[in-house]
Amino acid sequence: MGDIMAYVHLRVILKNKIDNYKYCSGRIGKNIINGPAQGTTPIRQLRYQDKRAERVCEWKLTENFEEDDLWITLTYQKASVIDSEKARKDISLFLAYLRRAYKKESNELRYIYTAGRGKRGNIHFHMVLNKFDTSVIAKIWRNITGGGVHFKHLYTEFNNYGQVNYKKIANYLIKNSRETFYSTDKIHKKRFCASINLKMPRLEKNIINAKQWKKEPTTIKGYILDKESIYDGYGWLDEGHKWDCCRVQRYTLIRIDGGYKPRYKNHKILDIPMGDDEFAEE
């Protein structure tokens, strides 16, 4: 892996797992050898941004929603031709009325959604929101647009560990957003939209003074290693002012008992960009 004197270990502490990212930064260590020159074309940057959005979306889903919360699809009438401006107004009005309905029941609306456009140009919205009376949700959307609502619970999507597959849901949401985000007639300027009351997970970032990391990650007490999650190769690092291709390792520890306790008592926080996520693997 080259003569690396130190690397970064980023932990994303979620309620049901710990996402681990190890990578090299040009701001620490000596003689860091980057991966083969691959160029930073706009397409690669867009891929990075998609990956980043998907991870942040997954983190917010994991920290703020439970298995009995709702995953819904908002559609328009089949014969309707809806432009982007009307769609924006419709979804804003829907959320305003929905927020009022939640508040009436002493509840607070939480949501994440993306806008999609089918092959025939039909606009739809995929949304995750905290549980509520489905008849009220459907009525609000129907009164605004005349369209329909399809309901699912998050527990319909489980992973191999019996947990809600937030990763799969986030992937689906971001994939749906590409139908409008990359078009000339965007509905939103963001890949996904979320309520401001959503919590983000705790991030720990440490400098590890070692030449390299272990090829096979180790687990910690109360967690098991998801071997299918291991990636060890090259990825794109956003240094804030340039794009670097560097060595990265990514893996997930699944929580089975107890909670997480920091492994490093005296860890140093790096003075480098602390974005929601900092690299996307190839």
C-alpha atoms as a PDB file:
ATOM      1  CA  MET A   1       0.000   0.000   0.000  1.00  0.00           C
ATOM      2  CA  GLY A   2       3.022   2.234  -0.034  1.00  0.00           C
ATOM      3  CA  ASP A   3       5.035   3.851   2.728  1.00  0.00           C
ATOM      4  CA  ILE A   4       2.157   5.527   4.566  1.00  0.00           C
ATOM      5  CA  MET A   5       3.065   6.926   7.985  1.00  0.00           C
ATOM      6  CA  ALA A   6      -0.495   7.669   9.128  1.00  0.00           C
ATOM      7  CA  TYR A   7      -4.065   7.376   7.971  1.00  0.00           C
ATOM      8  CA  VAL A   8      -7.524   8.576   8.983  1.00  0.00           C
ATOM      9  CA  HIS A   9     -10.078   6.304  10.646  1.00  0.00           C
ATOM     10  CA  LEU A  10     -13.576   7.769  10.443  1.00  0.00           C
ATOM     11  CA  ARG A  11     -16.357   6.075  12.414  1.00  0.00           C
ATOM     12  CA  VAL A  12     -20.017   6.851  11.858  1.00  0.00           C
ATOM     13  CA  ILE A  13     -21.804   5.724  15.037  1.00  0.00           C
ATOM     14  CA  LEU A  14     -25.350   4.693  14.139  1.00  0.00           C
ATOM     15  CA  LYS A  15     -27.985   3.111  16.370  1.00  0.00           C
ATOM     16  CA  ASN A  16     -27.656  -0.326  14.770  1.00  0.00           C
ATOM     17  CA  LYS A  17     -24.145  -0.341  13.307  1.00  0.00           C
ATOM     18  CA  ILE A  18     -20.836   1.465  12.899  1.00  0.00           C
ATOM     19  CA  ASP A  19     -19.704   2.452   9.413  1.00  0.00           C
ATOM     20  CA  ASN A  20     -15.898   2.554   9.236  1.00  0.00           C
ATOM     21  CA  TYR A  21     -13.834   4.464   6.683  1.00  0.00           C
ATOM     22  CA  LYS A  22     -10.042   4.382   6.553  1.00  0.00           C
ATOM     23  CA  TYR A  23      -8.254   6.563   4.071  1.00  0.00           C
ATOM     24  CA  CYS A  24      -5.095   8.531   3.404  1.00  0.00           C
ATOM     25  CA  SER A  25      -5.074  12.299   3.409  1.00  0.00           C
ATOM     26  CA  GLY A  26      -2.410  14.474   1.802  1.00  0.00           C
ATOM     27  CA  ARG A  27      -2.509  16.669   4.913  1.00  0.00           C
ATOM     28  CA  ILE A  28      -1.028  14.025   7.208  1.00  0.00           C
ATOM     29  CA  GLY A  29       1.846  11.567   7.087  1.00  0.00           C
ATOM     30  CA  LYS A  30       4.708  11.378   4.624  1.00  0.00           C
ATOM     31  CA  ASN A  31       5.340   9.812   1.239  1.00  0.00           C
ATOM     32  CA  ILE A  32       1.682   9.073   0.554  1.00  0.00           C
ATOM     33  CA  ILE A  33       1.397   7.231  -2.716  1.00  0.00           C
ATOM     34  CA  ASN A  34      -1.877   7.934  -4.486  1.00  0.00           C
ATOM     35  CA  GLY A  35      -3.592   5.496  -6.799  1.00  0.00           C
ATOM     36  CA  PRO A  36      -3.077   5.468 -10.560  1.00  0.00           C
ATOM     37  CA  ALA A  37      -3.987   8.722 -12.262  1.00  0.00           C
ATOM     38  CA  GLN A  38      -7.593   8.412 -13.384  1.00  0.00           C
ATOM     39  CA  GLY A  39      -8.626  12.010 -13.950  1.00  0.00           C
ATOM     40  CA  THR A  40     -11.440  13.889 -12.264  1.00  0.00           C
ATOM     41  CA  THR A  41     -13.952  14.172 -15.046  1.00  0.00           C
ATOM     42  CA  PRO A  42     -17.373  15.665 -14.328  1.00  0.00           C
ATOM     43  CA  ILE A  43     -18.886  12.177 -14.535  1.00  0.00           C
ATOM     44  CA  ARG A  44     -16.628  10.902 -11.757  1.00  0.00           C
ATOM     45  CA  GLN A  45     -17.474  13.895  -9.617  1.00  0.00           C
ATOM     46  CA  LEU A  46     -21.179  13.252 -10.171  1.00  0.00           C
ATOM     47  CA  ARG A  47     -20.695   9.618  -9.176  1.00  0.00           C
ATOM     48  CA  TYR A  48     -18.946  10.777  -6.026  1.00  0.00           C
ATOM     49  CA  GLN A  49     -21.768  13.172  -5.217  1.00  0.00           C
ATOM     50  CA  ASP A  50     -24.346  10.418  -5.754  1.00  0.00           C
ATOM     51  CA  LYS A  51     -22.454   8.102  -3.401  1.00  0.00           C
ATOM     52  CA  ARG A  52     -22.115  10.822  -0.817  1.00  0.00           C
ATOM     53  CA  ALA A  53     -25.803  11.740  -0.979  1.00  0.00           C
ATOM     54  CA  GLU A  54     -26.770   8.092  -0.677  1.00  0.00           C
ATOM     55  CA  ARG A  55     -24.670   7.615   2.458  1.00  0.00           C
ATOM     56  CA  VAL A  56     -25.940  10.783   4.138  1.00  0.00           C
ATOM     57  CA  CYS A  57     -29.495   9.798   3.235  1.00  0.00           C
ATOM     58  CA  GLU A  58     -28.929   6.352   4.766  1.00  0.00           C
ATOM     59  CA  TRP A  59     -27.494   7.856   7.962  1.00  0.00           C
ATOM     60  CA  LYS A  60     -30.505  10.143   8.380  1.00  0.00           C
ATOM     61  CA  LEU A  61     -32.928   7.308   7.697  1.00  0.00           C
ATOM     62  CA  THR A  62     -31.190   5.058  10.213  1.00  0.00           C
ATOM     63  CA  GLU A  63     -31.084   7.621  12.994  1.00  0.00           C
ATOM     64  CA  ASN A  64     -34.602   8.996  12.624  1.00  0.00           C
ATOM     65  CA  PHE A  65     -36.967   6.258  11.473  1.00  0.00           C
ATOM     66  CA  GLU A  66     -38.184   2.918  12.851  1.00  0.00           C
ATOM     67  CA  GLU A  67     -39.501  -0.241  11.247  1.00  0.00           C
ATOM     68  CA  ASP A  68     -43.177   0.734  11.603  1.00  0.00           C
ATOM     69  CA  ASP A  69     -42.708   4.125   9.932  1.00  0.00           C
ATOM     70  CA  LEU A  70     -44.018   4.716   6.424  1.00  0.00           C
ATOM     71  CA  TRP A  71     -42.518   4.533   2.949  1.00  0.00           C
ATOM     72  CA  ILE A  72     -44.947   6.094   0.505  1.00  0.00           C
ATOM     73  CA  THR A  73     -45.225   6.949  -3.188  1.00  0.00           C
ATOM     74  CA  LEU A  74     -47.196  10.026  -4.231  1.00  0.00           C
ATOM     75  CA  THR A  75     -48.535   9.914  -7.781  1.00  0.00           C
ATOM     76  CA  TYR A  76     -50.600  12.091 -10.079  1.00  0.00           C
ATOM     77  CA  GLN A  77     -53.552  11.021 -12.191  1.00  0.00           C
ATOM     78  CA  LYS A  78     -52.376   9.106 -15.252  1.00  0.00           C
ATOM     79  CA  ALA A  79     -53.700  11.614 -17.756  1.00  0.00           C
ATOM     80  CA  SER A  80     -52.125  14.559 -15.943  1.00  0.00           C
ATOM     81  CA  VAL A  81     -49.146  16.375 -17.443  1.00  0.00           C
ATOM     82  CA  ILE A  82     -47.445  18.158 -14.547  1.00  0.00           C
ATOM     83  CA  ASP A  83     -44.586  20.623 -14.949  1.00  0.00           C
ATOM     84  CA  SER A  84     -41.793  20.996 -12.415  1.00  0.00           C
ATOM     85  CA  GLU A  85     -43.030  24.292 -10.984  1.00  0.00           C
ATOM     86  CA  LYS A  86     -46.471  22.867 -10.190  1.00  0.00           C
ATOM     87  CA  ALA A  87     -44.891  19.724  -8.701  1.00  0.00           C
ATOM     88  CA  ARG A  88     -42.775  21.882  -6.376  1.00  0.00           C
ATOM     89  CA  LYS A  89     -45.829  23.834  -5.250  1.00  0.00           C
ATOM     90  CA  ASP A  90     -47.854  20.646  -4.756  1.00  0.00           C
ATOM     91  CA  ILE A  91     -45.281  18.900  -2.582  1.00  0.00           C
ATOM     92  CA  SER A  92     -44.705  22.071  -0.525  1.00  0.00           C
ATOM     93  CA  LEU A  93     -48.432  22.456   0.076  1.00  0.00           C
ATOM     94  CA  PHE A  94     -48.742  18.757   0.918  1.00  0.00           C
ATOM     95  CA  LEU A  95     -46.005  19.006   3.539  1.00  0.00           C
ATOM     96  CA  ALA A  96     -47.512  22.180   5.005  1.00  0.00           C
ATOM     97  CA  TYR A  97     -50.915  20.539   5.506  1.00  0.00           C
ATOM     98  CA  LEU A  98     -49.301  17.325   6.704  1.00  0.00           C
ATOM     99  CA  ARG A  99     -47.186  19.185   9.247  1.00  0.00           C
ATOM    100  CA  ARG A 100     -50.342  20.834  10.546  1.00  0.00           C
ATOM    101  CA  ALA A 101     -52.104  17.455  10.820  1.00  0.00           C
ATOM    102  CA  TYR A 102     -49.201  15.955  12.792  1.00  0.00           C
ATOM    103  CA  LYS A 103     -49.112  18.951  15.117  1.00  0.00           C
ATOM    104  CA  LYS A 104     -52.847  18.600  15.759  1.00  0.00           C
ATOM    105  CA  GLU A 105     -52.123  15.103  17.099  1.00  0.00           C
ATOM    106  CA  SER A 106     -49.212  16.397  19.239  1.00  0.00           C
ATOM    107  CA  ASN A 107     -46.741  14.857  16.828  1.00  0.00           C
ATOM    108  CA  GLU A 108     -43.891  16.276  14.744  1.00  0.00           C
ATOM    109  CA  LEU A 109     -43.505  15.431  11.089  1.00  0.00           C
ATOM    110  CA  ARG A 110     -40.183  13.936   9.994  1.00  0.00           C
ATOM    111  CA  TYR A 111     -39.538  13.138   6.354  1.00  0.00           C
ATOM    112  CA  ILE A 112     -37.070  12.435   3.569  1.00  0.00           C
ATOM    113  CA  TYR A 113     -38.190  12.412  -0.047  1.00  0.00           C
ATOM    114  CA  THR A 114     -37.016  12.498  -3.648  1.00  0.00           C
ATOM    115  CA  ALA A 115     -38.731  13.483  -6.877  1.00  0.00           C
ATOM    116  CA  GLY A 116     -38.781  11.149  -9.858  1.00  0.00           C
ATOM    117  CA  ARG A 117     -40.003  11.300 -13.432  1.00  0.00           C
ATOM    118  CA  GLY A 118     -41.057   8.205 -15.372  1.00  0.00           C
ATOM    119  CA  LYS A 119     -40.269   7.423 -19.015  1.00  0.00           C
ATOM    120  CA  ARG A 120     -43.501   9.083 -20.081  1.00  0.00           C
ATOM    121  CA  GLY A 121     -42.716  12.178 -18.054  1.00  0.00           C
ATOM    122  CA  ASN A 122     -45.047  11.424 -15.153  1.00  0.00           C
ATOM    123  CA  ILE A 123     -43.771  13.002 -11.935  1.00  0.00           C
ATOM    124  CA  HIS A 124     -43.944  11.113  -8.635  1.00  0.00           C
ATOM    125  CA  PHE A 125     -42.447  11.397  -5.165  1.00  0.00           C
ATOM    126  CA  HIS A 126     -40.965   8.699  -2.936  1.00  0.00           C
ATOM    127  CA  MET A 127     -41.067   9.641   0.736  1.00  0.00           C
ATOM    128  CA  VAL A 128     -40.190   8.149   4.122  1.00  0.00           C
ATOM    129  CA  LEU A 129     -42.046   9.683   7.056  1.00  0.00           C
ATOM    130  CA  ASN A 130     -42.864   8.823  10.639  1.00  0.00           C
ATOM    131  CA  LYS A 131     -46.038   6.788  11.158  1.00  0.00           C
ATOM    132  CA  PHE A 132     -49.398   8.508  10.993  1.00  0.00           C
ATOM    133  CA  ASP A 133     -53.003   7.900   9.954  1.00  0.00           C
ATOM    134  CA  THR A 134     -52.689   6.779   6.321  1.00  0.00           C
ATOM    135  CA  SER A 135     -56.212   7.918   5.464  1.00  0.00           C
ATOM    136  CA  VAL A 136     -55.310  11.478   6.479  1.00  0.00           C
ATOM    137  CA  ILE A 137     -52.129  11.413   4.377  1.00  0.00           C
ATOM    138  CA  ALA A 138     -53.998  10.083   1.336  1.00  0.00           C
ATOM    139  CA  LYS A 139     -56.794  12.633   1.699  1.00  0.00           C
ATOM    140  CA  ILE A 140     -54.390  15.587   1.867  1.00  0.00           C
ATOM    141  CA  TRP A 141     -52.582  14.524  -1.316  1.00  0.00           C
ATOM    142  CA  ARG A 142     -55.860  13.705  -3.113  1.00  0.00           C
ATOM    143  CA  ASN A 143     -57.354  17.094  -2.250  1.00  0.00           C
ATOM    144  CA  ILE A 144     -54.291  18.889  -3.644  1.00  0.00           C
ATOM    145  CA  THR A 145     -53.653  16.850  -6.794  1.00  0.00           C
ATOM    146  CA  GLY A 146     -56.401  14.285  -7.280  1.00  0.00           C
ATOM    147  CA  GLY A 147     -53.648  11.669  -7.261  1.00  0.00           C
ATOM    148  CA  GLY A 148     -53.053   8.543  -5.217  1.00  0.00           C
ATOM    149  CA  VAL A 149     -50.731   7.315  -2.471  1.00  0.00           C
ATOM    150  CA  HIS A 150     -49.148   3.880  -2.168  1.00  0.00           C
ATOM    151  CA  PHE A 151     -48.172   2.870   1.374  1.00  0.00           C
ATOM    152  CA  LYS A 152     -45.553   0.478   2.741  1.00  0.00           C
ATOM    153  CA  HIS A 153     -43.925   0.071   6.131  1.00  0.00           C
ATOM    154  CA  LEU A 154     -40.147   0.099   6.497  1.00  0.00           C
ATOM    155  CA  TYR A 155     -40.282  -3.412   7.975  1.00  0.00           C
ATOM    156  CA  THR A 156     -41.012  -4.729   4.483  1.00  0.00           C
ATOM    157  CA  GLU A 157     -37.314  -4.146   3.716  1.00  0.00           C
ATOM    158  CA  PHE A 158     -35.061  -6.133   6.075  1.00  0.00           C
ATOM    159  CA  ASN A 159     -31.393  -7.032   5.650  1.00  0.00           C
ATOM    160  CA  ASN A 160     -29.668 -10.313   6.511  1.00  0.00           C
ATOM    161  CA  TYR A 161     -29.380  -9.263  10.161  1.00  0.00           C
ATOM    162  CA  GLY A 162     -33.087  -8.692  10.766  1.00  0.00           C
ATOM    163  CA  GLN A 163     -32.734  -4.916  10.649  1.00  0.00           C
ATOM    164  CA  VAL A 164     -34.473  -2.420   8.401  1.00  0.00           C
ATOM    165  CA  ASN A 165     -32.404  -2.178   5.224  1.00  0.00           C
ATOM    166  CA  TYR A 166     -31.904   1.585   5.325  1.00  0.00           C
ATOM    167  CA  LYS A 167     -29.063   1.280   2.832  1.00  0.00           C
ATOM    168  CA  LYS A 168     -31.341  -0.269   0.203  1.00  0.00           C
ATOM    169  CA  ILE A 169     -34.028   2.347   0.811  1.00  0.00           C
ATOM    170  CA  ALA A 170     -31.491   5.189   0.501  1.00  0.00           C
ATOM    171  CA  ASN A 171     -30.157   3.673  -2.714  1.00  0.00           C
ATOM    172  CA  TYR A 172     -33.673   3.547  -4.121  1.00  0.00           C
ATOM    173  CA  LEU A 173     -34.418   7.138  -3.128  1.00  0.00           C
ATOM    174  CA  ILE A 174     -31.245   8.547  -4.692  1.00  0.00           C
ATOM    175  CA  LYS A 175     -31.713   6.420  -7.806  1.00  0.00           C
ATOM    176  CA  ASN A 176     -35.214   7.873  -8.109  1.00  0.00           C
ATOM    177  CA  SER A 177     -33.874  11.424  -7.779  1.00  0.00           C
ATOM    178  CA  ARG A 178     -31.548  10.990 -10.764  1.00  0.00           C
ATOM    179  CA  GLU A 179     -34.625  10.987 -13.014  1.00  0.00           C
ATOM    180  CA  THR A 180     -35.121  14.680 -12.250  1.00  0.00           C
ATOM    181  CA  PHE A 181     -31.857  15.917 -10.729  1.00  0.00           C
ATOM    182  CA  TYR A 182     -29.844  15.365 -13.924  1.00  0.00           C
ATOM    183  CA  SER A 183     -32.528  16.712 -16.234  1.00  0.00           C
ATOM    184  CA  THR A 184     -32.618  20.237 -17.613  1.00  0.00           C
ATOM    185  CA  ASP A 185     -35.995  20.670 -15.919  1.00  0.00           C
ATOM    186  CA  LYS A 186     -35.117  19.960 -12.288  1.00  0.00           C
ATOM    187  CA  ILE A 187     -37.776  19.798  -9.599  1.00  0.00           C
ATOM    188  CA  HIS A 188     -35.300  20.335  -6.765  1.00  0.00           C
ATOM    189  CA  LYS A 189     -31.669  21.437  -6.680  1.00  0.00           C
ATOM    190  CA  LYS A 190     -30.889  18.755  -4.089  1.00  0.00           C
ATOM    191  CA  ARG A 191     -30.664  15.006  -4.605  1.00  0.00           C
ATOM    192  CA  PHE A 192     -32.966  14.498  -1.654  1.00  0.00           C
ATOM    193  CA  CYS A 193     -35.020  16.757   0.597  1.00  0.00           C
ATOM    194  CA  ALA A 194     -35.342  16.259   4.347  1.00  0.00           C
ATOM    195  CA  SER A 195     -37.009  17.972   7.276  1.00  0.00           C
ATOM    196  CA  ILE A 196     -34.657  20.083   9.383  1.00  0.00           C
ATOM    197  CA  ASN A 197     -35.517  18.181  12.571  1.00  0.00           C
ATOM    198  CA  LEU A 198     -33.612  15.039  11.560  1.00  0.00           C
ATOM    199  CA  LYS A 199     -30.638  14.005  13.673  1.00  0.00           C
ATOM    200  CA  MET A 200     -27.261  13.101  12.216  1.00  0.00           C
ATOM    201  CA  PRO A 201     -25.132  10.312  13.716  1.00  0.00           C
ATOM    202  CA  ARG A 202     -22.021  10.955  15.774  1.00  0.00           C
ATOM    203  CA  LEU A 203     -18.814  11.035  13.733  1.00  0.00           C
ATOM    204  CA  GLU A 204     -15.427  10.164  15.224  1.00  0.00           C
ATOM    205  CA  LYS A 205     -12.287  10.895  13.257  1.00  0.00           C
ATOM    206  CA  ASN A 206      -8.878   9.735  14.455  1.00  0.00           C
ATOM    207  CA  ILE A 207      -5.332   9.815  13.118  1.00  0.00           C
ATOM    208  CA  ILE A 208      -3.798   6.344  13.268  1.00  0.00           C
ATOM    209  CA  ASN A 209      -0.003   6.358  13.338  1.00  0.00           C
ATOM    210  CA  ALA A 210       0.665   3.222  11.346  1.00  0.00           C
ATOM    211  CA  LYS A 211       2.096   2.433   7.945  1.00  0.00           C
ATOM    212  CA  GLN A 212      -1.050   0.644   6.833  1.00  0.00           C
ATOM    213  CA  TRP A 213      -4.340  -0.811   8.022  1.00  0.00           C
ATOM    214  CA  LYS A 214      -5.165  -4.487   8.296  1.00  0.00           C
ATOM    215  CA  LYS A 215      -6.436  -6.088   5.128  1.00  0.00           C
ATOM    216  CA  GLU A 216      -9.032  -7.975   7.185  1.00  0.00           C
ATOM    217  CA  PRO A 217     -10.849  -5.582   9.573  1.00  0.00           C
ATOM    218  CA  THR A 218     -11.437  -6.675  13.157  1.00  0.00           C
ATOM    219  CA  THR A 219     -14.621  -6.269  15.153  1.00  0.00           C
ATOM    220  CA  ILE A 220     -15.245  -4.933  18.665  1.00  0.00           C
ATOM    221  CA  LYS A 221     -17.309  -6.185  21.595  1.00  0.00           C
ATOM    222  CA  GLY A 222     -21.040  -6.149  20.940  1.00  0.00           C
ATOM    223  CA  TYR A 223     -20.657  -6.061  17.144  1.00  0.00           C
ATOM    224  CA  ILE A 224     -20.074  -8.470  14.279  1.00  0.00           C
ATOM    225  CA  LEU A 225     -18.307  -7.740  11.005  1.00  0.00           C
ATOM    226  CA  ASP A 226     -20.450  -7.619   7.887  1.00  0.00           C
ATOM    227  CA  LYS A 227     -17.978  -9.276   5.527  1.00  0.00           C
ATOM    228  CA  GLU A 228     -19.988  -8.338   2.455  1.00  0.00           C
ATOM    229  CA  SER A 229     -19.477  -4.661   3.308  1.00  0.00           C
ATOM    230  CA  ILE A 230     -15.656  -4.769   3.087  1.00  0.00           C
ATOM    231  CA  TYR A 231     -14.111  -2.662   0.352  1.00  0.00           C
ATOM    232  CA  ASP A 232     -10.356  -2.167   0.059  1.00  0.00           C
ATOM    233  CA  GLY A 233      -9.112  -0.235  -2.939  1.00  0.00           C
ATOM    234  CA  TYR A 234      -9.079   3.248  -4.402  1.00  0.00           C
ATOM    235  CA  GLY A 235     -11.569   6.048  -3.819  1.00  0.00           C
ATOM    236  CA  TRP A 236     -12.067   9.736  -4.435  1.00  0.00           C
ATOM    237  CA  LEU A 237     -11.283  12.077  -1.563  1.00  0.00           C
ATOM    238  CA  ASP A 238     -12.777  15.554  -1.496  1.00  0.00           C
ATOM    239  CA  GLU A 239     -10.131  17.739   0.138  1.00  0.00           C
ATOM    240  CA  GLY A 240     -12.310  20.823  -0.155  1.00  0.00           C
ATOM    241  CA  HIS A 241     -10.180  22.386  -2.868  1.00  0.00           C
ATOM    242  CA  LYS A 242      -9.264  19.435  -5.100  1.00  0.00           C
ATOM    243  CA  TRP A 243     -10.099  15.807  -5.842  1.00  0.00           C
ATOM    244  CA  ASP A 244      -7.550  13.131  -4.950  1.00  0.00           C
ATOM    245  CA  CYS A 245      -7.606   9.443  -5.734  1.00  0.00           C
ATOM    246  CA  CYS A 246      -6.308   7.623  -2.664  1.00  0.00           C
ATOM    247  CA  ARG A 247      -6.333   4.251  -0.931  1.00  0.00           C
ATOM    248  CA  VAL A 248      -9.458   3.603   1.126  1.00  0.00           C
ATOM    249  CA  GLN A 249     -11.027   0.842   3.169  1.00  0.00           C
ATOM    250  CA  ARG A 250     -14.693   0.678   4.073  1.00  0.00           C
ATOM    251  CA  TYR A 251     -16.561  -1.827   6.242  1.00  0.00           C
ATOM    252  CA  THR A 252     -19.529  -2.075   8.604  1.00  0.00           C
ATOM    253  CA  LEU A 253     -19.859  -3.489  12.115  1.00  0.00           C
ATOM    254  CA  ILE A 254     -23.379  -4.669  12.957  1.00  0.00           C
ATOM    255  CA  ARG A 255     -24.578  -4.088  16.500  1.00  0.00           C
ATOM    256  CA  ILE A 256     -25.731  -7.215  18.349  1.00  0.00           C
ATOM    257  CA  ASP A 257     -25.387  -6.265  22.023  1.00  0.00           C
ATOM    258  CA  GLY A 258     -24.691  -3.191  24.128  1.00  0.00           C
ATOM    259  CA  GLY A 259     -23.541   0.143  22.806  1.00  0.00           C
ATOM    260  CA  TYR A 260     -20.412   1.691  21.360  1.00  0.00           C
ATOM    261  CA  LYS A 261     -17.581   2.965  23.533  1.00  0.00           C
ATOM    262  CA  PRO A 262     -14.722   4.975  21.970  1.00  0.00           C
ATOM    263  CA  ARG A 263     -11.600   2.863  21.463  1.00  0.00           C
ATOM    264  CA  TYR A 264      -9.152   5.754  21.567  1.00  0.00           C
ATOM    265  CA  LYS A 265      -9.059   7.788  24.773  1.00  0.00           C
ATOM    266  CA  ASN A 266      -6.789  10.446  23.340  1.00  0.00           C
ATOM    267  CA  HIS A 267      -7.696  10.815  19.721  1.00  0.00           C
ATOM    268  CA  LYS A 268      -6.714  13.806  17.644  1.00  0.00           C
ATOM    269  CA  ILE A 269      -9.313  15.524  15.509  1.00  0.00           C
ATOM    270  CA  LEU A 270      -7.983  16.291  12.056  1.00  0.00           C
ATOM    271  CA  ASP A 271      -8.060  19.803  10.714  1.00  0.00           C
ATOM    272  CA  ILE A 272      -9.437  18.699   7.359  1.00  0.00           C
ATOM    273  CA  PRO A 273     -12.906  19.095   5.808  1.00  0.00           C
ATOM    274  CA  MET A 274     -15.481  17.327   7.987  1.00  0.00           C
ATOM    275  CA  GLY A 275     -18.176  16.718   5.411  1.00  0.00           C
ATOM    276  CA  ASP A 276     -20.966  14.232   5.915  1.00  0.00           C
ATOM    277  CA  ASP A 277     -18.873  11.811   3.915  1.00  0.00           C
ATOM    278  CA  GLU A 278     -15.534  12.331   2.237  1.00  0.00           C
ATOM    279  CA  PHE A 279     -14.882   9.726  -0.380  1.00  0.00           C
ATOM    280  CA  ALA A 280     -16.546   7.394  -2.802  1.00  0.00           C
ATOM    281  CA  GLU A 281     -14.963   4.112  -3.772  1.00  0.00           C
ATOM    282  CA  GLU A 282     -14.468   3.004  -7.323  1.00  0.00           C
END
